Amino acid sequence: MTRLKLFRRSSCILLCALLVTSCTGIPQGTQPINDFVLDDYLGRWYEIARFDHSFEEGLDCVTADYSLRDDGGVRVINRGLNLDSGETDVAEGKAYPLGAANEGRLKVSFFGPFYASYNILALDEHGQWSLVTGPDRDYLWILSRTPRLDDATYRQLVEMARDLDYPVQQLLEVEQGEACSVLKDREQDTSPET
């Protein structure tokens, strides 16, 4: 229960920080994908790399699970494992489409009425990887449907981000290997209370 509260608090800090920076915006000079199909984006995503922030500090084995809500939105469950302490962090949030129906933009909330933007800058034609940003260039994630992304694709996404003026030298690669198997065993125990 303490870990859940810590992750929720961290998620709250993220949202407050994003609120100050125009929560549902998109970085100038970037565009979300324009052929987005929400149903195809649902399911599990593995975090391959990210810009580090306090709400994810020390976390590896990070996953995001997206499923439909009854109100047409998306249920978001983020999980991560601190490999040093062995503690699991879980946060549950909600997301809703933002902009045109086919635009790869969502507004995401982990705390009450405060929303942050989730902008999909690139998505594999088969939905196997994604490049995501927040409201500004301080936020960047490389996601994959599998725990590992081949080196060529990873380099391609890093170059894409560099071309969009992201400080890619700040990317932190996220451990998704054998050490993460313990997280699978804990998923049932760490599911957020409903």
Foldseek 3Di string as FASTA:
>chain_A
DVLAVLLLVLLVVVLVVCVVVVFAAAAPQAFFDQQADVVLQAAKKAWFKKQDDSSCPQWFQWMWGWDADPVRKIKIKIWTANLVVRDIYIFIKIWDDDDDPRGQKIWIDRDPPGTHIWGWRDAPPNRAWTWIAINHLSIITIIGPDLDDDPVVVVVSLVVNVVSVRPSVSMDGGDNDPSSPVVVVCVVVPDDDD
